[in-house]
Amino acid sequence: MSGDDRRLGIVLRDIALAEPVPSPTLRERGLTDDLPELAALAGTPQDPRWHPEGDVLVHSLWAADLAAAHAVRHELDEERRERLVIAALFHDVGKPDTTRRQGDRITSHGHAERGAELFRAMGRRLGLPRPLTTAVAAIIETHMTHHSVQGAPSPRAVRRLRERLEASGTSLDDWAIVVRCDGEARGPAARPDASEPWLRVARGLDG
C-alpha cells in the first residue's frame, strides 16, 4: 500500500462519513480523477433507455448522494452511513470491464460480480477496514439479485440473500437502501423500489 493509496482511502472515508452531499467534494478532493476505479466510470456509457442521466460516474455519484441523504434523514450511525455511501458510490464499479455494445443496446452483464472483485482489491490497496470492504463487496455483488426473479421473490430466495449479506457483516435493509438509490438515480427513468417485494417477504418470514 503506497502513501498515496492510503491518503485516498482516508479521504474517501472522511467524505462518506461527513458530507451530506458527497459528490461535489469527491470531485473537489480529486477522487474522481485520482482513484482509478472512479475515473474509469467517467465516459463509460449506459443504455439511455434505462439510464438517461448520463455515464456511470454521473449515476454513481447521484446514488451516493441519495445514500447520504437517507443516512442524514434517518440519523443512521456512522458505521452504517459509511457503508451505505461507499456501497452506493461503487455499486457499478464493474461496468467499465463488462460494458458492451450489442446493436443499438448497451449491456453490462456480470458487472455486479466483477465489481465485487474490484472493490475487494481496491479496499486492500486503500487500507480500508476489512469488515467495511467485506460488507460493501457483498452489497455490490448482490445489488442486481432482484432481477433474478419476476414478481415476488420466494421465501427461500429472500432467506438465502439475507443470510449471505448478514454473513458478510451487512443486512437486507442495507442492501435495500442501495438498490433503492440505484433505482432513483436515473432521472426520468427512475424505477419503483425494487427492494420492497424482498423486504415484504422478509417481514413475513419474521412474522
N, C-alpha and C. Protein backbone atom coordinates (compact mmCIF):
# COMPACT_ATOMS: atom_id res chain seq x y z
N MET A 1 0.85 -1.19 0.00
CA MET A 1 0.00 0.00 0.00
C MET A 1 0.89 1.25 0.00
N SER A 2 0.74 2.11 -1.00
CA SER A 2 1.54 3.32 -1.07
C SER A 2 0.93 4.41 -0.19
N GLY A 3 1.74 5.44 0.06
CA GLY A 3 1.22 6.57 0.83
C GLY A 3 0.07 7.25 0.14
N ASP A 4 0.15 7.36 -1.20
CA ASP A 4 -0.95 7.99 -1.95
C ASP A 4 -2.23 7.18 -1.83
N ASP A 5 -2.11 5.85 -1.91
CA ASP A 5 -3.29 4.99 -1.78
C ASP A 5 -3.92 5.16 -0.40
N ARG A 6 -3.08 5.16 0.62
CA ARG A 6 -3.61 5.32 1.98
C ARG A 6 -4.31 6.67 2.14
N ARG A 7 -3.72 7.70 1.55
CA ARG A 7 -4.34 9.04 1.62
C ARG A 7 -5.72 9.02 0.96
N LEU A 8 -5.80 8.39 -0.22
CA LEU A 8 -7.09 8.32 -0.91
C LEU A 8 -8.13 7.57 -0.08
N GLY A 9 -7.69 6.50 0.58
CA GLY A 9 -8.61 5.76 1.43
C GLY A 9 -9.13 6.59 2.58
N ILE A 10 -8.26 7.37 3.19
CA ILE A 10 -8.66 8.24 4.30
C ILE A 10 -9.63 9.31 3.82
N VAL A 11 -9.32 9.92 2.67
CA VAL A 11 -10.21 10.96 2.13
C VAL A 11 -11.57 10.38 1.79
N LEU A 12 -11.59 9.21 1.17
CA LEU A 12 -12.85 8.56 0.83
C LEU A 12 -13.71 8.34 2.07
N ARG A 13 -13.10 7.83 3.11
CA ARG A 13 -13.86 7.55 4.33
C ARG A 13 -14.34 8.84 4.99
N ASP A 14 -13.49 9.85 4.98
CA ASP A 14 -13.89 11.14 5.57
C ASP A 14 -15.12 11.71 4.86
N ILE A 15 -15.11 11.64 3.54
CA ILE A 15 -16.24 12.18 2.76
C ILE A 15 -17.50 11.37 3.02
N ALA A 16 -17.37 10.05 3.03
CA ALA A 16 -18.55 9.19 3.27
C ALA A 16 -19.16 9.45 4.63
N LEU A 17 -18.33 9.76 5.60
CA LEU A 17 -18.81 9.96 6.97
C LEU A 17 -19.37 11.36 7.22
N ALA A 18 -18.83 12.36 6.51
CA ALA A 18 -19.10 13.74 6.92
C ALA A 18 -19.95 14.55 5.96
N GLU A 19 -19.93 14.22 4.68
CA GLU A 19 -20.56 15.11 3.70
C GLU A 19 -22.04 14.76 3.49
N PRO A 20 -22.94 15.72 3.69
CA PRO A 20 -24.35 15.45 3.41
C PRO A 20 -24.64 15.26 1.94
N VAL A 21 -23.78 15.86 1.07
CA VAL A 21 -23.87 15.67 -0.38
C VAL A 21 -22.45 15.35 -0.85
N PRO A 22 -22.08 14.09 -0.96
CA PRO A 22 -20.69 13.72 -1.20
C PRO A 22 -20.14 14.10 -2.58
N SER A 23 -20.96 14.13 -3.61
CA SER A 23 -20.43 14.21 -4.97
C SER A 23 -19.57 15.44 -5.24
N PRO A 24 -19.95 16.66 -4.82
CA PRO A 24 -19.06 17.80 -5.10
C PRO A 24 -17.70 17.66 -4.44
N THR A 25 -17.68 17.15 -3.22
CA THR A 25 -16.42 17.02 -2.50
C THR A 25 -15.56 15.91 -3.11
N LEU A 26 -16.18 14.84 -3.57
CA LEU A 26 -15.42 13.80 -4.26
C LEU A 26 -14.70 14.36 -5.48
N ARG A 27 -15.37 15.26 -6.19
CA ARG A 27 -14.72 15.91 -7.35
C ARG A 27 -13.67 16.91 -6.89
N GLU A 28 -14.00 17.74 -5.92
CA GLU A 28 -13.08 18.79 -5.47
C GLU A 28 -11.81 18.22 -4.86
N ARG A 29 -11.93 17.10 -4.13
CA ARG A 29 -10.76 16.50 -3.49
C ARG A 29 -9.99 15.59 -4.45
N GLY A 30 -10.46 15.48 -5.69
CA GLY A 30 -9.71 14.78 -6.72
C GLY A 30 -9.93 13.29 -6.81
N LEU A 31 -10.86 12.73 -6.02
CA LEU A 31 -11.03 11.29 -6.05
C LEU A 31 -11.57 10.77 -7.38
N THR A 32 -12.38 11.56 -8.05
CA THR A 32 -12.94 11.10 -9.33
C THR A 32 -11.87 11.04 -10.42
N ASP A 33 -10.73 11.68 -10.18
CA ASP A 33 -9.61 11.61 -11.13
C ASP A 33 -8.51 10.69 -10.61
N ASP A 34 -8.21 10.76 -9.32
CA ASP A 34 -7.05 10.06 -8.77
C ASP A 34 -7.32 8.62 -8.39
N LEU A 35 -8.56 8.28 -8.17
CA LEU A 35 -8.91 6.90 -7.83
C LEU A 35 -9.29 6.18 -9.13
N PRO A 36 -8.45 5.25 -9.61
CA PRO A 36 -8.69 4.65 -10.93
C PRO A 36 -10.06 4.04 -11.10
N GLU A 37 -10.57 3.43 -10.03
CA GLU A 37 -11.88 2.77 -10.14
C GLU A 37 -13.00 3.77 -10.38
N LEU A 38 -12.87 4.98 -9.84
CA LEU A 38 -13.86 6.02 -10.13
C LEU A 38 -13.60 6.68 -11.47
N ALA A 39 -12.35 6.96 -11.77
CA ALA A 39 -12.02 7.61 -13.04
C ALA A 39 -12.51 6.78 -14.22
N ALA A 40 -12.47 5.46 -14.09
CA ALA A 40 -12.90 4.58 -15.19
C ALA A 40 -14.40 4.68 -15.45
N LEU A 41 -15.17 5.14 -14.46
CA LEU A 41 -16.62 5.24 -14.65
C LEU A 41 -16.99 6.40 -15.57
N ALA A 42 -16.14 7.43 -15.57
CA ALA A 42 -16.42 8.60 -16.42
C ALA A 42 -16.27 8.20 -17.89
N GLY A 43 -17.29 8.44 -18.65
CA GLY A 43 -17.25 8.09 -20.06
C GLY A 43 -17.70 6.67 -20.36
N THR A 44 -17.91 5.84 -19.32
CA THR A 44 -18.46 4.50 -19.57
C THR A 44 -19.96 4.66 -19.82
N PRO A 45 -20.41 4.33 -21.04
CA PRO A 45 -21.81 4.64 -21.39
C PRO A 45 -22.79 3.68 -20.75
N GLN A 46 -24.03 4.11 -20.71
CA GLN A 46 -25.14 3.29 -20.26
C GLN A 46 -26.27 3.39 -21.27
N ASP A 47 -27.09 2.38 -21.32
CA ASP A 47 -28.21 2.40 -22.25
C ASP A 47 -29.15 3.55 -21.87
N PRO A 48 -29.35 4.52 -22.75
CA PRO A 48 -30.16 5.69 -22.39
C PRO A 48 -31.61 5.37 -22.08
N ARG A 49 -32.08 4.21 -22.49
CA ARG A 49 -33.47 3.84 -22.16
C ARG A 49 -33.61 3.60 -20.66
N TRP A 50 -32.55 3.10 -20.04
CA TRP A 50 -32.59 2.80 -18.61
C TRP A 50 -31.83 3.84 -17.80
N HIS A 51 -30.89 4.54 -18.44
CA HIS A 51 -30.05 5.49 -17.73
C HIS A 51 -29.90 6.78 -18.53
N PRO A 52 -30.96 7.55 -18.65
CA PRO A 52 -30.86 8.81 -19.40
C PRO A 52 -30.05 9.88 -18.68
N GLU A 53 -29.67 9.62 -17.41
CA GLU A 53 -28.97 10.63 -16.63
C GLU A 53 -27.53 10.83 -17.10
N GLY A 54 -26.95 9.84 -17.80
CA GLY A 54 -25.58 10.02 -18.28
C GLY A 54 -24.73 8.78 -18.07
N ASP A 55 -23.41 9.00 -17.97
CA ASP A 55 -22.49 7.87 -17.86
C ASP A 55 -22.51 7.27 -16.46
N VAL A 56 -21.69 6.26 -16.26
CA VAL A 56 -21.72 5.52 -15.00
C VAL A 56 -21.28 6.40 -13.82
N LEU A 57 -20.34 7.31 -14.04
CA LEU A 57 -19.91 8.17 -12.95
C LEU A 57 -21.03 9.10 -12.50
N VAL A 58 -21.74 9.69 -13.44
CA VAL A 58 -22.88 10.56 -13.09
C VAL A 58 -23.88 9.78 -12.24
N HIS A 59 -24.21 8.58 -12.69
CA HIS A 59 -25.17 7.74 -11.97
C HIS A 59 -24.67 7.38 -10.58
N SER A 60 -23.41 7.00 -10.48
CA SER A 60 -22.85 6.54 -9.21
C SER A 60 -22.74 7.66 -8.19
N LEU A 61 -22.34 8.84 -8.63
CA LEU A 61 -22.27 9.99 -7.72
C LEU A 61 -23.66 10.35 -7.21
N TRP A 62 -24.64 10.29 -8.09
CA TRP A 62 -26.01 10.58 -7.69
C TRP A 62 -26.49 9.56 -6.66
N ALA A 63 -26.20 8.28 -6.89
CA ALA A 63 -26.59 7.24 -5.94
C ALA A 63 -25.95 7.47 -4.58
N ALA A 64 -24.68 7.88 -4.57
CA ALA A 64 -24.00 8.17 -3.29
C ALA A 64 -24.67 9.34 -2.58
N ASP A 65 -25.05 10.36 -3.31
CA ASP A 65 -25.75 11.50 -2.70
C ASP A 65 -27.07 11.05 -2.08
N LEU A 66 -27.78 10.18 -2.78
CA LEU A 66 -29.06 9.69 -2.25
C LEU A 66 -28.84 8.86 -0.99
N ALA A 67 -27.80 8.06 -0.97
CA ALA A 67 -27.50 7.25 0.22
C ALA A 67 -27.15 8.15 1.40
N ALA A 68 -26.36 9.18 1.15
CA ALA A 68 -26.01 10.12 2.23
C ALA A 68 -27.25 10.83 2.75
N ALA A 69 -28.13 11.24 1.85
CA ALA A 69 -29.35 11.91 2.27
C ALA A 69 -30.21 10.99 3.12
N HIS A 70 -30.27 9.72 2.75
CA HIS A 70 -31.03 8.75 3.54
C HIS A 70 -30.43 8.62 4.94
N ALA A 71 -29.09 8.55 4.99
CA ALA A 71 -28.42 8.40 6.28
C ALA A 71 -28.69 9.60 7.19
N VAL A 72 -28.66 10.80 6.61
CA VAL A 72 -28.93 12.01 7.40
C VAL A 72 -30.38 12.03 7.86
N ARG A 73 -31.28 11.74 6.93
CA ARG A 73 -32.71 11.81 7.24
C ARG A 73 -33.10 10.83 8.35
N HIS A 74 -32.47 9.65 8.34
CA HIS A 74 -32.84 8.63 9.33
C HIS A 74 -31.85 8.55 10.49
N GLU A 75 -30.93 9.50 10.54
CA GLU A 75 -29.96 9.60 11.65
C GLU A 75 -29.26 8.28 11.89
N LEU A 76 -28.72 7.70 10.83
CA LEU A 76 -28.02 6.42 10.94
C LEU A 76 -26.67 6.62 11.63
N ASP A 77 -26.19 5.59 12.29
CA ASP A 77 -24.89 5.68 12.95
C ASP A 77 -23.78 5.76 11.90
N GLU A 78 -22.60 6.18 12.34
CA GLU A 78 -21.51 6.45 11.40
C GLU A 78 -21.08 5.22 10.62
N GLU A 79 -21.01 4.08 11.28
CA GLU A 79 -20.57 2.86 10.62
C GLU A 79 -21.51 2.50 9.47
N ARG A 80 -22.79 2.60 9.74
CA ARG A 80 -23.77 2.23 8.70
C ARG A 80 -23.79 3.27 7.58
N ARG A 81 -23.71 4.54 7.94
CA ARG A 81 -23.68 5.60 6.93
C ARG A 81 -22.49 5.41 5.99
N GLU A 82 -21.31 5.16 6.54
CA GLU A 82 -20.13 4.97 5.72
C GLU A 82 -20.32 3.79 4.77
N ARG A 83 -20.83 2.71 5.27
CA ARG A 83 -21.04 1.51 4.47
C ARG A 83 -22.00 1.79 3.31
N LEU A 84 -23.10 2.48 3.58
CA LEU A 84 -24.11 2.73 2.56
C LEU A 84 -23.62 3.70 1.49
N VAL A 85 -22.95 4.77 1.90
CA VAL A 85 -22.47 5.75 0.92
C VAL A 85 -21.42 5.13 0.01
N ILE A 86 -20.50 4.37 0.59
CA ILE A 86 -19.44 3.76 -0.23
C ILE A 86 -20.03 2.68 -1.13
N ALA A 87 -20.97 1.90 -0.62
CA ALA A 87 -21.60 0.87 -1.46
C ALA A 87 -22.36 1.49 -2.61
N ALA A 88 -23.08 2.56 -2.35
CA ALA A 88 -23.82 3.23 -3.43
C ALA A 88 -22.86 3.83 -4.45
N LEU A 89 -21.77 4.41 -3.98
CA LEU A 89 -20.80 5.04 -4.89
C LEU A 89 -20.16 4.01 -5.81
N PHE A 90 -19.88 2.82 -5.29
CA PHE A 90 -19.13 1.82 -6.07
C PHE A 90 -20.00 0.66 -6.56
N HIS A 91 -21.32 0.79 -6.48
CA HIS A 91 -22.15 -0.36 -6.83
C HIS A 91 -21.99 -0.79 -8.28
N ASP A 92 -21.64 0.14 -9.17
CA ASP A 92 -21.46 -0.20 -10.58
C ASP A 92 -20.00 -0.14 -11.02
N VAL A 93 -19.08 -0.34 -10.07
CA VAL A 93 -17.66 -0.22 -10.40
C VAL A 93 -17.20 -1.29 -11.40
N GLY A 94 -17.98 -2.35 -11.56
CA GLY A 94 -17.63 -3.38 -12.53
C GLY A 94 -18.06 -3.08 -13.95
N LYS A 95 -18.78 -1.99 -14.18
CA LYS A 95 -19.29 -1.72 -15.53
C LYS A 95 -18.22 -1.41 -16.57
N PRO A 96 -17.15 -0.67 -16.25
CA PRO A 96 -16.15 -0.43 -17.30
C PRO A 96 -15.59 -1.71 -17.91
N ASP A 97 -15.45 -2.76 -17.12
CA ASP A 97 -14.90 -4.02 -17.63
C ASP A 97 -15.93 -4.89 -18.33
N THR A 98 -17.20 -4.60 -18.16
CA THR A 98 -18.24 -5.51 -18.68
C THR A 98 -19.18 -4.86 -19.68
N THR A 99 -19.03 -3.57 -19.92
CA THR A 99 -19.95 -2.87 -20.82
C THR A 99 -19.66 -3.24 -22.27
N ARG A 100 -20.71 -3.60 -22.99
CA ARG A 100 -20.60 -3.99 -24.40
C ARG A 100 -21.73 -3.34 -25.19
N ARG A 101 -21.45 -3.01 -26.43
CA ARG A 101 -22.49 -2.55 -27.35
C ARG A 101 -22.98 -3.74 -28.16
N GLN A 102 -24.29 -3.94 -28.16
CA GLN A 102 -24.91 -5.01 -28.93
C GLN A 102 -26.00 -4.39 -29.79
N GLY A 103 -25.61 -4.05 -31.02
CA GLY A 103 -26.54 -3.33 -31.90
C GLY A 103 -26.80 -1.96 -31.32
N ASP A 104 -28.07 -1.67 -31.07
CA ASP A 104 -28.41 -0.36 -30.51
C ASP A 104 -28.54 -0.42 -28.99
N ARG A 105 -28.10 -1.51 -28.40
CA ARG A 105 -28.19 -1.65 -26.95
C ARG A 105 -26.80 -1.60 -26.31
N ILE A 106 -26.77 -1.20 -25.04
CA ILE A 106 -25.56 -1.23 -24.24
C ILE A 106 -25.83 -2.12 -23.05
N THR A 107 -25.00 -3.14 -22.86
CA THR A 107 -25.20 -4.08 -21.76
C THR A 107 -23.97 -4.11 -20.86
N SER A 108 -24.15 -4.65 -19.67
CA SER A 108 -23.03 -4.81 -18.73
C SER A 108 -23.26 -6.07 -17.90
N HIS A 109 -23.48 -7.19 -18.58
CA HIS A 109 -23.75 -8.44 -17.89
C HIS A 109 -22.56 -8.84 -17.02
N GLY A 110 -22.86 -9.23 -15.80
CA GLY A 110 -21.82 -9.65 -14.87
C GLY A 110 -21.11 -8.53 -14.15
N HIS A 111 -21.64 -7.30 -14.26
CA HIS A 111 -20.92 -6.18 -13.64
C HIS A 111 -20.96 -6.23 -12.11
N ALA A 112 -21.99 -6.83 -11.55
CA ALA A 112 -22.06 -6.89 -10.09
C ALA A 112 -20.96 -7.80 -9.54
N GLU A 113 -20.80 -8.95 -10.14
CA GLU A 113 -19.77 -9.88 -9.69
C GLU A 113 -18.37 -9.31 -9.92
N ARG A 114 -18.15 -8.71 -11.09
CA ARG A 114 -16.86 -8.11 -11.37
C ARG A 114 -16.60 -6.93 -10.43
N GLY A 115 -17.63 -6.17 -10.14
CA GLY A 115 -17.49 -5.04 -9.25
C GLY A 115 -17.06 -5.45 -7.85
N ALA A 116 -17.61 -6.57 -7.36
CA ALA A 116 -17.21 -7.05 -6.04
C ALA A 116 -15.74 -7.42 -6.02
N GLU A 117 -15.27 -8.06 -7.07
CA GLU A 117 -13.84 -8.41 -7.16
C GLU A 117 -12.98 -7.15 -7.12
N LEU A 118 -13.35 -6.17 -7.93
CA LEU A 118 -12.58 -4.93 -7.99
C LEU A 118 -12.58 -4.20 -6.65
N PHE A 119 -13.73 -4.19 -5.99
CA PHE A 119 -13.80 -3.46 -4.73
C PHE A 119 -12.98 -4.15 -3.65
N ARG A 120 -12.97 -5.46 -3.62
CA ARG A 120 -12.14 -6.15 -2.63
C ARG A 120 -10.67 -5.80 -2.81
N ALA A 121 -10.22 -5.80 -4.06
CA ALA A 121 -8.83 -5.44 -4.34
C ALA A 121 -8.56 -3.98 -3.99
N MET A 122 -9.51 -3.11 -4.32
CA MET A 122 -9.35 -1.69 -4.01
C MET A 122 -9.31 -1.45 -2.51
N GLY A 123 -10.18 -2.14 -1.78
CA GLY A 123 -10.20 -1.99 -0.33
C GLY A 123 -8.87 -2.34 0.30
N ARG A 124 -8.25 -3.43 -0.19
CA ARG A 124 -6.93 -3.81 0.34
C ARG A 124 -5.90 -2.74 -0.01
N ARG A 125 -5.96 -2.24 -1.25
CA ARG A 125 -4.97 -1.26 -1.69
C ARG A 125 -5.08 0.05 -0.93
N LEU A 126 -6.30 0.47 -0.62
CA LEU A 126 -6.51 1.75 0.06
C LEU A 126 -6.43 1.63 1.58
N GLY A 127 -6.29 0.41 2.07
CA GLY A 127 -6.24 0.23 3.52
C GLY A 127 -7.57 0.40 4.21
N LEU A 128 -8.67 0.13 3.51
CA LEU A 128 -9.98 0.20 4.16
C LEU A 128 -10.10 -0.94 5.17
N PRO A 129 -10.83 -0.74 6.25
CA PRO A 129 -11.01 -1.82 7.22
C PRO A 129 -11.63 -3.05 6.54
N ARG A 130 -11.13 -4.21 6.93
CA ARG A 130 -11.62 -5.44 6.29
C ARG A 130 -13.13 -5.62 6.44
N PRO A 131 -13.71 -5.37 7.64
CA PRO A 131 -15.17 -5.53 7.73
C PRO A 131 -15.94 -4.62 6.78
N LEU A 132 -15.46 -3.39 6.59
CA LEU A 132 -16.10 -2.47 5.65
C LEU A 132 -15.99 -3.00 4.23
N THR A 133 -14.80 -3.44 3.85
CA THR A 133 -14.60 -3.96 2.49
C THR A 133 -15.47 -5.17 2.23
N THR A 134 -15.53 -6.08 3.20
CA THR A 134 -16.32 -7.30 3.02
C THR A 134 -17.80 -6.99 2.88
N ALA A 135 -18.30 -6.10 3.72
CA ALA A 135 -19.73 -5.75 3.68
C ALA A 135 -20.10 -5.04 2.39
N VAL A 136 -19.29 -4.06 1.99
CA VAL A 136 -19.59 -3.32 0.76
C VAL A 136 -19.52 -4.24 -0.44
N ALA A 137 -18.51 -5.11 -0.50
CA ALA A 137 -18.39 -6.03 -1.63
C ALA A 137 -19.61 -6.94 -1.74
N ALA A 138 -20.16 -7.35 -0.60
CA ALA A 138 -21.35 -8.21 -0.63
C ALA A 138 -22.55 -7.46 -1.20
N ILE A 139 -22.70 -6.20 -0.84
CA ILE A 139 -23.81 -5.41 -1.39
C ILE A 139 -23.63 -5.22 -2.89
N ILE A 140 -22.41 -4.88 -3.30
CA ILE A 140 -22.14 -4.71 -4.73
C ILE A 140 -22.46 -5.99 -5.49
N GLU A 141 -22.01 -7.11 -4.96
CA GLU A 141 -22.16 -8.39 -5.65
C GLU A 141 -23.61 -8.82 -5.80
N THR A 142 -24.47 -8.37 -4.90
CA THR A 142 -25.86 -8.82 -4.89
C THR A 142 -26.85 -7.74 -5.31
N HIS A 143 -26.38 -6.56 -5.71
CA HIS A 143 -27.33 -5.46 -5.92
C HIS A 143 -28.23 -5.69 -7.14
N MET A 144 -27.90 -6.67 -7.97
CA MET A 144 -28.76 -7.00 -9.11
C MET A 144 -29.61 -8.24 -8.87
N THR A 145 -29.57 -8.78 -7.67
CA THR A 145 -30.27 -10.03 -7.38
C THR A 145 -31.76 -9.93 -7.67
N HIS A 146 -32.34 -8.75 -7.45
CA HIS A 146 -33.78 -8.61 -7.67
C HIS A 146 -34.18 -8.84 -9.12
N HIS A 147 -33.21 -8.76 -10.05
CA HIS A 147 -33.51 -9.03 -11.46
C HIS A 147 -33.62 -10.53 -11.74
N SER A 148 -33.26 -11.35 -10.77
CA SER A 148 -33.26 -12.79 -10.99
C SER A 148 -34.64 -13.41 -10.89
N VAL A 149 -35.62 -12.63 -10.43
CA VAL A 149 -36.98 -13.16 -10.29
C VAL A 149 -37.97 -12.19 -10.93
N GLN A 150 -39.09 -12.73 -11.33
CA GLN A 150 -40.20 -11.91 -11.81
C GLN A 150 -41.30 -11.96 -10.76
N GLY A 151 -41.79 -10.78 -10.41
CA GLY A 151 -42.79 -10.73 -9.36
C GLY A 151 -42.14 -10.86 -7.99
N ALA A 152 -42.91 -11.39 -7.05
CA ALA A 152 -42.40 -11.50 -5.67
C ALA A 152 -41.38 -12.63 -5.58
N PRO A 153 -40.29 -12.42 -4.85
CA PRO A 153 -39.32 -13.49 -4.67
C PRO A 153 -39.86 -14.55 -3.72
N SER A 154 -39.31 -15.74 -3.81
CA SER A 154 -39.72 -16.80 -2.91
C SER A 154 -39.11 -16.59 -1.53
N PRO A 155 -39.75 -17.10 -0.49
CA PRO A 155 -39.13 -17.02 0.84
C PRO A 155 -37.72 -17.60 0.86
N ARG A 156 -37.51 -18.66 0.11
CA ARG A 156 -36.18 -19.28 0.08
C ARG A 156 -35.16 -18.30 -0.49
N ALA A 157 -35.52 -17.60 -1.58
CA ALA A 157 -34.59 -16.66 -2.20
C ALA A 157 -34.26 -15.52 -1.25
N VAL A 158 -35.27 -15.02 -0.55
CA VAL A 158 -35.05 -13.91 0.39
C VAL A 158 -34.19 -14.37 1.55
N ARG A 159 -34.48 -15.55 2.08
CA ARG A 159 -33.70 -16.06 3.20
C ARG A 159 -32.23 -16.26 2.79
N ARG A 160 -32.03 -16.78 1.59
CA ARG A 160 -30.67 -17.02 1.11
C ARG A 160 -29.90 -15.70 0.98
N LEU A 161 -30.55 -14.69 0.40
CA LEU A 161 -29.90 -13.39 0.24
C LEU A 161 -29.61 -12.77 1.60
N ARG A 162 -30.57 -12.81 2.48
CA ARG A 162 -30.39 -12.21 3.81
C ARG A 162 -29.24 -12.87 4.56
N GLU A 163 -29.18 -14.19 4.51
CA GLU A 163 -28.11 -14.90 5.20
C GLU A 163 -26.75 -14.58 4.60
N ARG A 164 -26.70 -14.45 3.29
CA ARG A 164 -25.44 -14.12 2.62
C ARG A 164 -24.95 -12.74 3.04
N LEU A 165 -25.85 -11.77 3.10
CA LEU A 165 -25.48 -10.42 3.50
C LEU A 165 -25.06 -10.37 4.96
N GLU A 166 -25.82 -11.01 5.81
CA GLU A 166 -25.51 -10.99 7.25
C GLU A 166 -24.17 -11.67 7.53
N ALA A 167 -23.85 -12.72 6.78
CA ALA A 167 -22.56 -13.38 6.95
C ALA A 167 -21.40 -12.48 6.56
N SER A 168 -21.68 -11.46 5.76
CA SER A 168 -20.65 -10.51 5.31
C SER A 168 -20.64 -9.24 6.13
N GLY A 169 -21.45 -9.17 7.17
CA GLY A 169 -21.43 -8.02 8.06
C GLY A 169 -22.35 -6.89 7.67
N THR A 170 -23.33 -7.19 6.81
CA THR A 170 -24.31 -6.17 6.44
C THR A 170 -25.71 -6.77 6.58
N SER A 171 -26.69 -6.23 5.91
CA SER A 171 -28.05 -6.68 6.15
C SER A 171 -28.91 -6.50 4.90
N LEU A 172 -30.06 -7.13 4.92
CA LEU A 172 -31.01 -6.96 3.84
C LEU A 172 -31.50 -5.51 3.78
N ASP A 173 -31.63 -4.87 4.92
CA ASP A 173 -32.05 -3.47 4.94
C ASP A 173 -31.01 -2.58 4.26
N ASP A 174 -29.72 -2.81 4.52
CA ASP A 174 -28.68 -2.04 3.85
C ASP A 174 -28.72 -2.27 2.34
N TRP A 175 -28.83 -3.52 1.95
CA TRP A 175 -28.94 -3.88 0.53
C TRP A 175 -30.11 -3.13 -0.11
N ALA A 176 -31.23 -3.10 0.59
CA ALA A 176 -32.43 -2.47 0.05
C ALA A 176 -32.22 -0.98 -0.18
N ILE A 177 -31.50 -0.33 0.72
CA ILE A 177 -31.24 1.11 0.56
C ILE A 177 -30.40 1.36 -0.68
N VAL A 178 -29.37 0.57 -0.89
CA VAL A 178 -28.53 0.75 -2.08
C VAL A 178 -29.31 0.44 -3.35
N VAL A 179 -30.12 -0.60 -3.33
CA VAL A 179 -30.97 -0.92 -4.50
C VAL A 179 -31.91 0.24 -4.79
N ARG A 180 -32.46 0.83 -3.74
CA ARG A 180 -33.37 1.96 -3.91
C ARG A 180 -32.64 3.17 -4.50
N CYS A 181 -31.45 3.46 -4.00
CA CYS A 181 -30.66 4.58 -4.52
C CYS A 181 -30.29 4.34 -5.99
N ASP A 182 -29.94 3.13 -6.32
CA ASP A 182 -29.63 2.76 -7.71
C ASP A 182 -30.83 3.05 -8.60
N GLY A 183 -32.01 2.65 -8.17
CA GLY A 183 -33.21 2.85 -8.98
C GLY A 183 -33.61 4.30 -9.12
N GLU A 184 -33.36 5.10 -8.07
CA GLU A 184 -33.77 6.50 -8.10
C GLU A 184 -32.79 7.39 -8.86
N ALA A 185 -31.54 6.95 -8.97
CA ALA A 185 -30.50 7.79 -9.59
C ALA A 185 -30.51 7.63 -11.11
N ARG A 186 -31.68 7.72 -11.69
CA ARG A 186 -31.84 7.53 -13.13
C ARG A 186 -32.68 8.63 -13.77
N GLY A 187 -32.92 9.69 -13.04
CA GLY A 187 -33.70 10.78 -13.61
C GLY A 187 -35.08 10.31 -14.03
N PRO A 188 -35.48 10.64 -15.26
CA PRO A 188 -36.83 10.29 -15.72
C PRO A 188 -37.06 8.79 -15.86
N ALA A 189 -36.00 8.00 -15.82
CA ALA A 189 -36.17 6.55 -15.91
C ALA A 189 -36.18 5.89 -14.54
N ALA A 190 -36.32 6.68 -13.48
CA ALA A 190 -36.34 6.13 -12.13
C ALA A 190 -37.42 5.06 -12.01
N ARG A 191 -37.07 4.00 -11.31
CA ARG A 191 -37.97 2.85 -11.20
C ARG A 191 -38.62 2.78 -9.82
N PRO A 192 -39.75 2.06 -9.73
CA PRO A 192 -40.30 1.78 -8.41
C PRO A 192 -39.28 1.01 -7.58
N ASP A 193 -39.40 1.09 -6.29
CA ASP A 193 -38.43 0.48 -5.39
C ASP A 193 -38.42 -1.04 -5.57
N ALA A 194 -37.34 -1.55 -6.19
CA ALA A 194 -37.24 -2.98 -6.47
C ALA A 194 -36.96 -3.80 -5.23
N SER A 195 -36.56 -3.13 -4.14
CA SER A 195 -36.26 -3.88 -2.92
C SER A 195 -37.51 -4.21 -2.10
N GLU A 196 -38.58 -3.46 -2.31
CA GLU A 196 -39.75 -3.59 -1.45
C GLU A 196 -40.34 -5.02 -1.45
N PRO A 197 -40.49 -5.70 -2.61
CA PRO A 197 -41.01 -7.08 -2.54
C PRO A 197 -40.13 -7.99 -1.69
N TRP A 198 -38.83 -7.78 -1.70
CA TRP A 198 -37.92 -8.60 -0.89
C TRP A 198 -38.09 -8.29 0.59
N LEU A 199 -38.24 -7.02 0.92
CA LEU A 199 -38.46 -6.65 2.31
C LEU A 199 -39.81 -7.16 2.81
N ARG A 200 -40.80 -7.12 1.95
CA ARG A 200 -42.12 -7.59 2.33
C ARG A 200 -42.10 -9.07 2.66
N VAL A 201 -41.43 -9.86 1.81
CA VAL A 201 -41.32 -11.29 2.09
C VAL A 201 -40.51 -11.52 3.36
N ALA A 202 -39.45 -10.73 3.56
CA ALA A 202 -38.64 -10.87 4.78
C ALA A 202 -39.48 -10.61 6.03
N ARG A 203 -40.36 -9.61 5.96
CA ARG A 203 -41.24 -9.34 7.12
C ARG A 203 -42.14 -10.53 7.41
N GLY A 204 -42.58 -11.19 6.35
CA GLY A 204 -43.39 -12.38 6.53
C GLY A 204 -42.62 -13.52 7.18
N LEU A 205 -41.34 -13.65 6.84
CA LEU A 205 -40.51 -14.67 7.46
C LEU A 205 -40.35 -14.43 8.95
N ASP A 206 -40.25 -13.16 9.31
CA ASP A 206 -40.05 -12.81 10.71
C ASP A 206 -41.35 -12.84 11.50
N GLY A 207 -42.47 -12.75 10.79
CA GLY A 207 -43.76 -12.74 11.48
C GLY A 207 -44.15 -14.11 11.94
